[in-house]
Amino acid sequence: MFISSITSLSVAEVSKRISPWHMEHGKRVEDEYEKIKIV
């Protein structure tokens, strides 16, 4: 799953990958990212 791969990436890489994806999926990706940061 896309989200699970984020943990192995740097913040910069995450930002680059999320940016276009975020445009399509809205706030959802931010919510998922917050979950990862909490865990």
N, C-alpha and C. Protein backbone atom coordinates (compact mmCIF):
# COMPACT_ATOMS: atom_id res chain seq x y z
N MET A 1 0.84 -1.20 0.00
CA MET A 1 0.00 0.00 0.00
C MET A 1 0.87 1.25 0.00
N PHE A 2 0.41 2.28 -0.66
CA PHE A 2 1.18 3.52 -0.81
C PHE A 2 1.58 4.10 0.54
N ILE A 3 0.62 4.19 1.45
CA ILE A 3 0.86 4.84 2.73
C ILE A 3 1.96 4.13 3.52
N SER A 4 1.97 2.80 3.50
CA SER A 4 2.95 2.05 4.28
C SER A 4 4.37 2.30 3.80
N SER A 5 4.53 2.68 2.55
CA SER A 5 5.87 2.93 2.01
C SER A 5 6.43 4.27 2.46
N ILE A 6 5.56 5.15 2.95
CA ILE A 6 5.99 6.49 3.34
C ILE A 6 7.01 6.45 4.47
N THR A 7 6.85 5.53 5.39
CA THR A 7 7.70 5.49 6.58
C THR A 7 9.17 5.32 6.23
N SER A 8 9.47 4.72 5.08
CA SER A 8 10.86 4.49 4.69
C SER A 8 11.42 5.64 3.86
N LEU A 9 10.61 6.66 3.62
CA LEU A 9 11.04 7.78 2.80
C LEU A 9 11.35 9.00 3.65
N SER A 10 12.18 9.87 3.11
CA SER A 10 12.45 11.13 3.79
C SER A 10 11.25 12.06 3.63
N VAL A 11 11.21 13.09 4.44
CA VAL A 11 10.10 14.04 4.36
C VAL A 11 10.03 14.67 2.97
N ALA A 12 11.18 14.97 2.40
CA ALA A 12 11.22 15.57 1.07
C ALA A 12 10.62 14.64 0.03
N GLU A 13 11.00 13.37 0.09
CA GLU A 13 10.47 12.40 -0.85
C GLU A 13 8.97 12.24 -0.66
N VAL A 14 8.55 12.18 0.59
CA VAL A 14 7.12 12.06 0.88
C VAL A 14 6.36 13.24 0.28
N SER A 15 6.91 14.42 0.48
CA SER A 15 6.25 15.63 -0.03
C SER A 15 6.11 15.58 -1.55
N LYS A 16 7.17 15.15 -2.22
CA LYS A 16 7.15 15.10 -3.68
C LYS A 16 6.14 14.07 -4.17
N ARG A 17 6.04 12.96 -3.46
CA ARG A 17 5.11 11.91 -3.88
C ARG A 17 3.67 12.26 -3.54
N ILE A 18 3.49 12.92 -2.41
CA ILE A 18 2.13 13.25 -1.96
C ILE A 18 1.54 14.41 -2.74
N SER A 19 2.37 15.39 -3.09
CA SER A 19 1.85 16.61 -3.71
C SER A 19 0.82 16.35 -4.82
N PRO A 20 1.16 15.63 -5.90
CA PRO A 20 0.17 15.39 -6.95
C PRO A 20 -0.95 14.47 -6.49
N TRP A 21 -0.59 13.51 -5.64
CA TRP A 21 -1.58 12.57 -5.12
C TRP A 21 -2.59 13.29 -4.25
N HIS A 22 -2.09 14.22 -3.46
CA HIS A 22 -2.93 14.99 -2.55
C HIS A 22 -3.95 15.82 -3.32
N MET A 23 -3.57 16.31 -4.47
CA MET A 23 -4.49 17.11 -5.28
C MET A 23 -5.73 16.30 -5.64
N GLU A 24 -5.55 15.00 -5.83
CA GLU A 24 -6.65 14.13 -6.22
C GLU A 24 -7.48 13.67 -5.02
N HIS A 25 -6.81 13.47 -3.89
CA HIS A 25 -7.46 12.81 -2.76
C HIS A 25 -7.77 13.73 -1.59
N GLY A 26 -7.35 15.00 -1.70
CA GLY A 26 -7.70 15.97 -0.67
C GLY A 26 -7.04 15.70 0.68
N LYS A 27 -7.76 16.00 1.74
CA LYS A 27 -7.20 15.95 3.09
C LYS A 27 -6.92 14.53 3.57
N ARG A 28 -7.47 13.55 2.90
CA ARG A 28 -7.29 12.16 3.32
C ARG A 28 -5.82 11.80 3.55
N VAL A 29 -4.98 12.17 2.62
CA VAL A 29 -3.57 11.82 2.70
C VAL A 29 -2.91 12.46 3.92
N GLU A 30 -3.32 13.66 4.26
CA GLU A 30 -2.79 14.31 5.45
C GLU A 30 -3.20 13.55 6.70
N ASP A 31 -4.43 13.08 6.72
CA ASP A 31 -4.91 12.30 7.86
C ASP A 31 -4.10 11.02 8.00
N GLU A 32 -3.84 10.35 6.88
CA GLU A 32 -3.05 9.12 6.91
C GLU A 32 -1.63 9.41 7.38
N TYR A 33 -1.06 10.51 6.91
CA TYR A 33 0.30 10.87 7.28
C TYR A 33 0.40 11.18 8.77
N GLU A 34 -0.62 11.84 9.31
CA GLU A 34 -0.66 12.13 10.74
C GLU A 34 -0.66 10.84 11.55
N LYS A 35 -1.41 9.84 11.10
CA LYS A 35 -1.45 8.54 11.78
C LYS A 35 -0.05 7.95 11.85
N ILE A 36 0.66 8.01 10.73
CA ILE A 36 2.01 7.45 10.66
C ILE A 36 2.94 8.19 11.61
N LYS A 37 2.86 9.51 11.63
CA LYS A 37 3.72 10.30 12.49
C LYS A 37 3.45 10.00 13.96
N ILE A 38 2.19 9.76 14.30
CA ILE A 38 1.82 9.42 15.68
C ILE A 38 2.39 8.06 16.05
N VAL A 39 2.28 7.12 15.14
CA VAL A 39 2.81 5.77 15.37
C VAL A 39 4.32 5.83 15.22
